[in-house]
Every structure is written in structure tokens, then in C-alpha cells.
């Protein structure tokens, strides 16, 4: 563990979100600017203080239906600012603020805004359902040329076989898995910005239609419209900031083939990243007060619980059973904003990061975890994984 980590020279200084719903009657640009301006104000800064811009994911990710990030120059022009650093992040480190933290830590910028904007709820409505791979192109390209002919039409089709394997190998039941979406819906009921707030029971979960066995409707994140922005600032500007949050450690490990179907076990994607994270800090899993773990699908939250060492490999079913351990007053409150399963698919760990900051500041309202001082945040983008530990200032 190094005593001079670059992330210690950076802080998360501001978070901002636009309106979030299944459909929002605003353009992607309008949503983006709503979130960015809110984040700058939250940091206690002005637009003129911003000298770095980044978007995630960037040019290396296909422009899938509902991806509404826009481009860096469009946003820079709209804000009417000059920048010293810009980055259109491509596939790689699956942690949104990794690049911005490096920029401010090395003096390339002082205050960087990074954002993620989605219009996936509107895209699903316009397409008559959630768009599938290749739905906007006449011919399948890249990995999809091999996947579409065998019925792998969307991410849930690809991840479901790995869920089946895990359940067979370790005995996880659907009754146990249900506690991820059920508990997160309870948290979402306390979040006025969550897409779904109606109570959800285990019986509701078991009765829901299957999407790709063994994953049902409530195992899948909710397509939504909305934007989230994060301001990352140089740590030596802390005195000028409203309520900065420390970045204790972060990591991103990229390995394996660049396609989900070519992994031997998707359940282990986060293990290398988690090991690298813990190697950068003296904190241990038991020190974490609240966990915001990526939940594009409920099974991914299960895998992250194990990867991060909150329970042993194969033990997550028992850990989540009954929901008491992952409740707001449990030993590891999980996805306290409702996660993407109820709060909405804000994508790429942005919603998770924003909630971690709220919890550490004590600004989460009715869902506030008492005494939260350490938060874990994870993200996974297919085969790329990222993780961070954030702490109260």
C-alpha cells in the first residue's frame, strides 16, 4: 500500500442530477446541462471554475438507443467555458471518476465535471420495448454477429447462463435472490427521485414474468431518462468547496476477452478489481458502512458482495436471505437509493456514486444510514470493473 496515492490528491466535490423518470420531456443536452449546473452549484463553485470536462462512457462505446451523452465540444460550448483538460473516456477503467481524479492529481485541471446521460426509457417506449442488440443496424457487427443468430439478443440473455451456473454451483435460490430487488425497493420508497417506489414483495418477485431464466422482470434494471454529473476537484481546493468527500482508494482491472460470452465465469469479473482496491488502503470490508454495488442485474450485486469480501464466495445467498443484513439498519446497507433495479438505470455507477456522496455527507434524508463514514462504490461494464472507497471529509 503506497502512502502517496494519486487519488488522495483528489476529492469528489459536487453531485447533480436532472429530473429522473421512465420518460422525461427534455432533450439529452438539456438533461446533461441540468445535472452539470446542479453539480457545480452543489460543489460551491461557479461555471467559470470548471477547467476540465469528461464523459463516460465515451467514443469507444457504441451509440446504443438511449445513450444521450452528446459530445464534449457541445457541452463546452453550452457552458461557455475554456478548458485545460478534456477526455471522452472509452472502454477501459469502469470507474467514472478515475480519469478526472488523475487529471486533478497531476495538475492538468483543478475542477473536472464528468457526466452520464441516458434516454433509455424514451428509447424503449419508441421501440415498443427495450431495444435489443443490433436493433438500429441492418447488419450485426463485431461480437453481435456471432451472438444474434443464437438468440443472444440483449445483455440479460448473456448474463442469465452465468446466473444459472452460479445457482447450480452454490445453491442460490430465487427466493434468496428476490431479497436484492425487494430490499432495494424498500429503500427506493424513501427516495423521492426513484423511478419505482411501490412496495415489492418476495411473492411479487416470484410471480413476475421471466425475462431470461433464471432472471425475471425485477432482476433487471429500469430503463429511464436522466443525467448525473460529478465534480472532481483537486484536494488542495477543499477550503473553497461546500462539502467534499475523500477518495480513499480506487481501482480498475481490465482482463479477459472483450465480450461477456467469452468469459469462463462472469461471476468473478470484479475479483481482480476488488483485490487491487484493498491493496491500496488499510481499510477492510468490515470498515464499510454503506455499499453502493452495481446492479444492472440483481445477480451482479450478489457477485459484488463476494468479490468485495463482504461474504465468502458462494455465501451471498445466505448473506442476503431475509434482507436484514442489507437493510438500512443492517450490517451492510445495500444500494440505499434503490439501485438501478428501482431507482433507475442511470448507468456506469453514476447513481451509485451520487448516493455514496449523499450518505457520507448525511444528506440522504429518510434513507440516511446513521454514522456512515466509509462507502464502497462499484461498477461493471461488461468485462471491465471499477471500485472505490469514499470517506467522509
Protein backbone atom coordinates (compact mmCIF):
# COMPACT_ATOMS: atom_id res chain seq x y z
CA UNK A 1 0.00 0.00 0.00
CA UNK A 2 1.51 3.32 -1.11
CA UNK A 3 1.48 6.29 1.24
CA UNK A 4 1.24 8.66 -1.75
CA UNK A 5 -1.74 7.56 -3.79
CA UNK A 6 -2.80 9.90 -6.56
CA UNK A 7 -6.45 9.59 -5.51
CA UNK A 8 -5.62 11.27 -2.19
CA UNK A 9 -4.91 14.44 -4.17
CA UNK A 10 -8.47 14.46 -5.49
CA UNK A 11 -11.91 14.80 -3.92
CA UNK A 12 -15.47 14.47 -5.12
CA UNK A 13 -16.74 17.98 -4.58
CA UNK A 14 -20.17 18.03 -6.20
CA UNK A 15 -23.00 15.86 -7.46
CA UNK A 16 -26.01 16.84 -9.51
CA UNK A 17 -28.92 15.11 -11.17
CA UNK A 18 -31.60 16.12 -13.61
CA UNK A 19 -35.19 15.01 -13.39
CA UNK A 20 -35.29 11.19 -13.48
CA UNK A 21 -38.26 9.16 -14.70
CA UNK A 22 -39.23 6.50 -17.21
CA UNK A 23 -39.66 9.33 -19.71
CA UNK A 24 -38.62 12.97 -19.29
CA UNK A 25 -39.70 15.54 -21.86
CA UNK A 26 -36.29 17.14 -22.21
CA UNK A 27 -33.52 16.56 -24.71
CA UNK A 28 -30.30 14.79 -23.81
CA UNK A 29 -28.48 18.12 -23.92
CA UNK A 30 -31.00 19.75 -21.59
CA UNK A 31 -30.77 16.87 -19.12
CA UNK A 32 -26.98 17.00 -19.23
CA UNK A 33 -26.84 20.72 -18.53
CA UNK A 34 -29.40 20.39 -15.72
CA UNK A 35 -27.17 17.83 -13.99
CA UNK A 36 -23.89 19.67 -14.63
CA UNK A 37 -25.14 23.02 -13.35
CA UNK A 38 -26.62 21.33 -10.27
CA UNK A 39 -23.31 19.57 -9.56
CA UNK A 40 -21.29 22.78 -9.91
CA UNK A 41 -23.65 24.58 -7.53
CA UNK A 42 -23.53 21.64 -5.11
CA UNK A 43 -19.74 21.90 -5.03
CA UNK A 44 -19.92 25.58 -4.13
CA UNK A 45 -18.26 26.54 -7.41
CA UNK A 46 -19.21 28.59 -10.45
CA UNK A 47 -19.18 27.55 -14.09
CA UNK A 48 -16.03 29.61 -14.61
CA UNK A 49 -14.19 27.44 -12.06
CA UNK A 50 -14.56 24.36 -14.28
CA UNK A 51 -11.49 23.69 -16.41
CA UNK A 52 -11.97 20.03 -17.26
CA UNK A 53 -14.73 18.02 -18.91
CA UNK A 54 -15.18 14.28 -19.30
CA UNK A 55 -17.99 12.00 -20.32
CA UNK A 56 -18.37 8.32 -19.56
CA UNK A 57 -18.62 6.08 -21.44
CA UNK A 58 -17.17 7.87 -24.41
CA UNK A 59 -16.32 7.27 -28.01
CA UNK A 60 -15.33 3.64 -27.57
CA UNK A 61 -18.87 2.61 -26.70
CA UNK A 62 -21.45 2.07 -29.40
CA UNK A 63 -24.14 4.74 -29.61
CA UNK A 64 -26.87 2.41 -28.44
CA UNK A 65 -30.51 3.53 -28.34
CA UNK A 66 -30.99 5.80 -25.34
CA UNK A 67 -27.34 6.75 -24.94
CA UNK A 68 -27.58 10.55 -24.87
CA UNK A 69 -24.23 11.87 -23.62
CA UNK A 70 -23.75 14.22 -26.56
CA UNK A 71 -20.15 15.29 -27.13
CA UNK A 72 -17.55 17.26 -25.22
CA UNK A 73 -17.48 20.24 -27.55
CA UNK A 74 -21.25 20.61 -27.48
CA UNK A 75 -21.21 20.78 -23.68
CA UNK A 76 -18.20 23.10 -23.55
CA UNK A 77 -19.92 25.49 -25.94
CA UNK A 78 -23.17 25.34 -23.97
CA UNK A 79 -21.33 26.18 -20.73
CA UNK A 80 -19.27 28.89 -22.50
CA UNK A 81 -16.06 27.92 -20.75
CA UNK A 82 -12.44 27.28 -21.69
CA UNK A 83 -10.87 24.02 -20.56
CA UNK A 84 -7.32 22.78 -20.00
CA UNK A 85 -8.28 19.09 -19.99
CA UNK A 86 -10.91 17.03 -21.78
CA UNK A 87 -11.49 13.32 -22.02
CA UNK A 88 -14.05 11.26 -23.88
CA UNK A 89 -13.48 8.12 -21.88
CA UNK A 90 -13.51 4.89 -23.81
CA UNK A 91 -13.94 1.36 -22.61
CA UNK A 92 -11.31 0.52 -20.03
CA UNK A 93 -11.38 1.65 -16.42
CA UNK A 94 -15.02 1.15 -15.47
CA UNK A 95 -14.98 3.86 -12.80
CA UNK A 96 -16.33 7.21 -13.99
CA UNK A 97 -14.16 9.48 -11.88
CA UNK A 98 -10.87 7.60 -12.35
CA UNK A 99 -9.66 9.77 -15.24
CA UNK A 100 -10.80 13.07 -13.71
CA UNK A 101 -9.07 12.18 -10.43
CA UNK A 102 -5.84 11.55 -12.32
CA UNK A 103 -6.23 14.89 -14.10
CA UNK A 104 -6.60 16.98 -10.95
CA UNK A 105 -3.99 14.95 -9.06
CA UNK A 106 -1.39 15.68 -11.74
CA UNK A 107 -2.24 19.35 -12.15
CA UNK A 108 -3.80 19.10 -15.59
CA UNK A 109 -7.01 20.64 -14.25
CA UNK A 110 -8.43 21.91 -10.97
CA UNK A 111 -12.12 21.10 -11.25
CA UNK A 112 -13.42 18.48 -13.70
CA UNK A 113 -17.05 17.70 -14.46
CA UNK A 114 -17.94 14.22 -15.67
CA UNK A 115 -21.44 13.19 -16.67
CA UNK A 116 -23.63 10.38 -17.90
CA UNK A 117 -26.93 10.99 -19.69
CA UNK A 118 -29.46 8.36 -20.74
CA UNK A 119 -32.77 8.44 -22.57
CA UNK A 120 -33.25 4.68 -22.44
CA UNK A 121 -36.78 4.96 -21.09
CA UNK A 122 -37.82 7.02 -24.10
CA UNK A 123 -35.89 4.72 -26.43
CA UNK A 124 -37.75 1.71 -25.05
CA UNK A 125 -41.09 3.46 -25.48
CA UNK A 126 -40.29 4.48 -29.05
CA UNK A 127 -39.11 0.98 -29.93
CA UNK A 128 -42.14 -0.70 -28.39
CA UNK A 129 -39.89 -2.37 -25.83
CA UNK A 130 -36.30 -2.33 -24.62
CA UNK A 131 -34.09 -2.15 -27.75
CA UNK A 132 -32.05 -5.25 -28.46
CA UNK A 133 -28.52 -5.57 -29.77
CA UNK A 134 -28.35 -4.65 -33.43
CA UNK A 135 -31.86 -3.20 -33.46
CA UNK A 136 -30.67 0.02 -35.11
CA UNK A 137 -28.40 -1.54 -37.74
CA UNK A 138 -29.19 -3.54 -40.89
CA UNK A 139 -26.32 -5.96 -40.22
CA UNK A 140 -24.88 -7.26 -36.98
CA UNK A 141 -21.28 -6.23 -36.36
CA UNK A 142 -18.47 -7.34 -34.07
CA UNK A 143 -19.42 -9.82 -31.30
CA UNK A 144 -23.13 -9.40 -32.13
CA UNK A 145 -22.54 -11.10 -35.48
CA UNK A 146 -21.94 -14.29 -33.51
CA UNK A 147 -24.46 -13.74 -30.72
CA UNK A 148 -27.62 -12.63 -32.50
CA UNK A 149 -28.00 -15.79 -34.63
CA UNK A 150 -28.18 -17.93 -31.47
CA UNK A 151 -30.73 -15.70 -29.72
CA UNK A 152 -28.40 -13.63 -27.52
CA UNK A 153 -30.45 -10.51 -28.15
CA UNK A 154 -29.57 -8.42 -25.11
CA UNK A 155 -27.32 -8.36 -22.01
CA UNK A 156 -29.83 -10.30 -19.90
CA UNK A 157 -29.61 -13.18 -22.37
CA UNK A 158 -25.86 -13.24 -21.93
CA UNK A 159 -25.72 -12.96 -18.17
CA UNK A 160 -28.55 -15.41 -17.41
CA UNK A 161 -26.47 -18.54 -18.16
CA UNK A 162 -23.83 -17.35 -15.70
CA UNK A 163 -26.57 -16.84 -13.09
CA UNK A 164 -27.77 -20.39 -13.76
CA UNK A 165 -24.27 -21.72 -13.31
CA UNK A 166 -23.82 -19.83 -10.04
CA UNK A 167 -27.15 -21.06 -8.67
CA UNK A 168 -26.27 -24.64 -9.60
CA UNK A 169 -22.77 -24.43 -8.13
CA UNK A 170 -23.57 -22.65 -4.87
CA UNK A 171 -27.25 -23.34 -4.25
CA UNK A 172 -28.56 -19.79 -4.53
CA UNK A 173 -32.35 -19.91 -4.81
CA UNK A 174 -34.70 -17.45 -6.49
CA UNK A 175 -36.33 -16.95 -3.09
CA UNK A 176 -32.96 -15.71 -1.80
CA UNK A 177 -32.15 -13.64 -4.89
CA UNK A 178 -35.51 -11.90 -4.50
CA UNK A 179 -34.22 -10.06 -1.45
CA UNK A 180 -31.96 -7.87 -3.58
CA UNK A 181 -34.80 -6.20 -5.55
CA UNK A 182 -37.25 -6.42 -2.64
CA UNK A 183 -34.92 -4.68 -0.17
CA UNK A 184 -33.83 -2.10 -2.71
CA UNK A 185 -37.46 -1.30 -3.47
CA UNK A 186 -37.94 -0.62 0.25
CA UNK A 187 -35.05 1.84 0.04
CA UNK A 188 -36.47 3.39 -3.14
CA UNK A 189 -39.75 4.09 -1.34
CA UNK A 190 -37.77 6.59 0.74
CA UNK A 191 -36.21 8.21 -2.32
CA UNK A 192 -38.48 10.81 -3.96
CA UNK A 193 -36.41 10.63 -7.16
CA UNK A 194 -36.67 6.84 -7.61
CA UNK A 195 -38.48 5.58 -10.69
CA UNK A 196 -40.33 2.83 -8.82
CA UNK A 197 -41.44 3.31 -5.21
CA UNK A 198 -44.40 0.94 -4.90
CA UNK A 199 -43.70 -1.83 -2.33
CA UNK A 200 -42.43 -5.11 -3.74
CA UNK A 201 -42.75 -8.48 -2.00
CA UNK A 202 -40.99 -11.79 -2.50
CA UNK A 203 -44.30 -13.15 -3.78
CA UNK A 204 -44.49 -10.35 -6.36
CA UNK A 205 -40.99 -11.24 -7.46
CA UNK A 206 -41.70 -14.96 -7.80
CA UNK A 207 -44.89 -14.23 -9.78
CA UNK A 208 -43.17 -11.84 -12.21
CA UNK A 209 -42.67 -12.82 -15.83
CA UNK A 210 -39.40 -14.43 -16.72
CA UNK A 211 -37.10 -12.42 -18.99
CA UNK A 212 -34.26 -14.90 -19.43
CA UNK A 213 -34.31 -17.77 -16.97
CA UNK A 214 -33.49 -17.61 -14.10
CA UNK A 215 -33.78 -13.79 -14.23
CA UNK A 216 -37.23 -12.22 -14.11
CA UNK A 217 -38.52 -8.70 -14.67
CA UNK A 218 -37.47 -7.47 -11.23
CA UNK A 219 -33.93 -8.78 -11.67
CA UNK A 220 -33.36 -6.22 -14.45
CA UNK A 221 -32.58 -2.55 -14.04
CA UNK A 222 -35.19 0.00 -15.08
CA UNK A 223 -34.68 1.95 -18.34
CA UNK A 224 -35.01 5.64 -17.52
CA UNK A 225 -34.34 9.15 -18.76
CA UNK A 226 -31.97 11.28 -16.73
CA UNK A 227 -28.48 12.64 -16.22
CA UNK A 228 -25.98 12.57 -13.38
CA UNK A 229 -22.91 14.78 -13.09
CA UNK A 230 -19.97 14.60 -10.70
CA UNK A 231 -17.39 17.31 -9.99
CA UNK A 232 -13.90 16.06 -9.12
CA UNK A 233 -11.60 18.70 -7.63
CA UNK A 234 -8.00 18.97 -6.52
CA UNK A 235 -7.83 18.18 -2.81
CA UNK A 236 -5.95 21.40 -2.07
CA UNK A 237 -9.08 23.36 -3.03
CA UNK A 238 -11.10 21.76 -0.21
CA UNK A 239 -11.37 25.01 1.74
CA UNK A 240 -13.26 26.52 -1.20
CA UNK A 241 -15.70 23.62 -1.51
CA UNK A 242 -19.08 23.16 0.18
CA UNK A 243 -18.82 19.52 1.29
CA UNK A 244 -16.03 17.48 -0.32
CA UNK A 245 -15.76 13.71 0.02
CA UNK A 246 -12.40 11.93 0.19
CA UNK A 247 -11.35 9.27 -2.30
CA UNK A 248 -9.61 6.76 -0.04
CA UNK A 249 -8.80 4.26 -2.78
CA UNK A 250 -9.92 3.20 -6.23
CA UNK A 251 -9.03 0.58 -8.77
CA UNK A 252 -9.95 -0.77 -12.16
CA UNK A 253 -8.68 -4.05 -13.54
CA UNK A 254 -9.29 -4.99 -17.16
CA UNK A 255 -8.69 -8.59 -18.11
CA UNK A 256 -10.30 -11.35 -20.11
CA UNK A 257 -11.71 -11.24 -23.61
CA UNK A 258 -13.78 -8.14 -24.53
CA UNK A 259 -17.08 -9.99 -24.72
CA UNK A 260 -19.31 -11.38 -21.99
CA UNK A 261 -19.85 -14.70 -23.73
CA UNK A 262 -16.11 -15.41 -23.80
CA UNK A 263 -15.64 -15.28 -20.06
CA UNK A 264 -15.45 -18.60 -18.27
CA UNK A 265 -17.23 -17.14 -15.25
CA UNK A 266 -18.78 -13.66 -15.27
CA UNK A 267 -19.31 -14.02 -11.53
CA UNK A 268 -15.62 -13.34 -10.99
CA UNK A 269 -15.25 -10.20 -13.13
CA UNK A 270 -14.93 -7.96 -10.07
CA UNK A 271 -12.50 -10.08 -8.06
CA UNK A 272 -9.28 -8.66 -9.52
CA UNK A 273 -10.54 -5.11 -9.15
CA UNK A 274 -11.57 -5.68 -5.54
CA UNK A 275 -8.20 -7.23 -4.65
CA UNK A 276 -6.41 -4.25 -6.19
CA UNK A 277 -8.65 -1.87 -4.23
CA UNK A 278 -7.97 -3.42 -0.85
CA UNK A 279 -4.23 -3.42 -1.63
CA UNK A 280 -4.38 0.39 -1.81
CA UNK A 281 -5.84 1.00 1.64
CA UNK A 282 -5.60 -0.02 5.25
CA UNK A 283 -9.39 -0.23 5.45
CA UNK A 284 -11.04 -3.65 5.38
CA UNK A 285 -14.50 -4.84 4.30
CA UNK A 286 -15.73 -4.65 7.89
CA UNK A 287 -15.00 -0.91 7.90
CA UNK A 288 -17.55 -0.20 5.16
CA UNK A 289 -20.74 1.41 6.46
CA UNK A 290 -22.74 1.50 3.23
CA UNK A 291 -22.32 -0.30 -0.10
CA UNK A 292 -23.45 1.03 -3.47
CA UNK A 293 -22.79 -2.01 -5.66
CA UNK A 294 -23.54 -2.12 -9.36
CA UNK A 295 -26.87 -3.82 -10.06
CA UNK A 296 -27.54 -3.83 -13.77
CA UNK A 297 -28.99 -7.20 -12.82
CA UNK A 298 -29.62 -8.45 -9.29
CA UNK A 299 -27.11 -11.27 -9.73
CA UNK A 300 -24.36 -8.67 -10.27
CA UNK A 301 -24.95 -7.27 -6.79
CA UNK A 302 -24.63 -10.82 -5.46
CA UNK A 303 -21.30 -11.25 -7.23
CA UNK A 304 -20.02 -7.89 -5.98
CA UNK A 305 -20.84 -8.79 -2.37
CA UNK A 306 -18.49 -11.74 -2.75
CA UNK A 307 -15.83 -10.01 -4.83
CA UNK A 308 -15.52 -7.19 -2.29
CA UNK A 309 -15.15 -9.65 0.57
CA UNK A 310 -18.37 -8.79 2.38
CA UNK A 311 -19.05 -12.52 2.41
CA UNK A 312 -17.26 -15.59 1.08
CA UNK A 313 -17.56 -16.96 -2.44
CA UNK A 314 -20.80 -18.91 -2.64
CA UNK A 315 -22.10 -17.39 0.61
CA UNK A 316 -24.07 -14.43 -0.77
CA UNK A 317 -27.36 -16.33 -0.81
CA UNK A 318 -27.24 -16.82 2.94
CA UNK A 319 -25.97 -13.26 3.41
CA UNK A 320 -28.93 -11.63 1.65
CA UNK A 321 -31.61 -14.12 2.76
CA UNK A 322 -34.37 -12.28 4.60
CA UNK A 323 -32.93 -8.89 3.68
CA UNK A 324 -31.92 -7.95 7.22
CA UNK A 325 -28.17 -7.64 6.62
CA UNK A 326 -28.63 -5.37 3.57
CA UNK A 327 -31.40 -3.18 5.04
CA UNK A 328 -30.82 0.43 6.10
CA UNK A 329 -30.29 -0.68 9.69
CA UNK A 330 -28.38 -3.84 8.75
CA UNK A 331 -24.68 -4.58 8.89
CA UNK A 332 -24.21 -3.59 5.22
CA UNK A 333 -26.94 -1.30 3.83
CA UNK A 334 -27.03 -2.00 0.10
CA UNK A 335 -27.95 0.42 -2.69
CA UNK A 336 -29.75 2.76 -0.37
CA UNK A 337 -31.25 4.88 -3.17
CA UNK A 338 -32.99 1.85 -4.65
CA UNK A 339 -30.19 0.96 -7.02
CA UNK A 340 -30.76 0.66 -10.73
CA UNK A 341 -33.41 -2.01 -10.09
CA UNK A 342 -35.79 0.62 -8.64
CA UNK A 343 -34.04 3.98 -8.74
CA UNK A 344 -33.49 3.77 -12.49
CA UNK A 345 -30.70 2.76 -14.82
CA UNK A 346 -28.51 5.84 -14.58
CA UNK A 347 -25.70 3.63 -15.81
CA UNK A 348 -21.96 3.29 -15.26
CA UNK A 349 -22.04 3.70 -11.48
CA UNK A 350 -23.14 7.35 -11.56
CA UNK A 351 -26.26 6.84 -9.45
CA UNK A 352 -24.30 4.69 -7.02
CA UNK A 353 -21.57 7.33 -6.65
CA UNK A 354 -24.06 10.15 -6.13
CA UNK A 355 -25.79 8.19 -3.37
CA UNK A 356 -22.49 7.35 -1.68
CA UNK A 357 -21.68 11.05 -1.53
CA UNK A 358 -25.11 11.86 -0.06
CA UNK A 359 -24.72 9.20 2.61
CA UNK A 360 -21.24 10.37 3.64
CA UNK A 361 -22.45 13.97 3.85
CA UNK A 362 -25.50 12.97 5.88
CA UNK A 363 -27.79 14.32 3.15
CA UNK A 364 -29.79 11.20 2.26
CA UNK A 365 -32.94 12.18 4.12
CA UNK A 366 -35.24 9.39 5.27
CA UNK A 367 -32.88 6.72 3.96
CA UNK A 368 -29.81 8.07 5.75
CA UNK A 369 -27.60 5.41 7.31
CA UNK A 370 -26.64 6.58 10.78
CA UNK A 371 -22.96 7.39 11.20
CA UNK A 372 -21.92 6.50 7.65
CA UNK A 373 -18.21 7.27 7.29
CA UNK A 374 -17.00 4.78 4.66
CA UNK A 375 -18.81 3.92 1.43
CA UNK A 376 -17.94 1.33 -1.19
CA UNK A 377 -18.88 2.00 -4.82
CA UNK A 378 -18.54 -0.48 -7.67
CA UNK A 379 -19.30 -0.52 -11.36
CA UNK A 380 -19.04 -3.07 -14.12
CA UNK A 381 -19.29 -2.51 -17.84
CA UNK A 382 -19.40 -5.99 -19.26
CA UNK A 383 -15.86 -7.25 -18.68
CA UNK A 384 -14.44 -4.02 -17.21
CA UNK A 385 -14.82 -3.43 -13.49
CA UNK A 386 -14.13 -0.50 -11.19
CA UNK A 387 -14.33 0.03 -7.44
CA UNK A 388 -13.71 2.83 -4.96
CA UNK A 389 -13.80 3.57 -1.27
CA UNK A 390 -15.06 7.03 -0.36
CA UNK A 391 -14.85 8.51 3.12
CA UNK A 392 -16.32 11.44 4.99
CA UNK A 393 -14.20 14.58 4.90
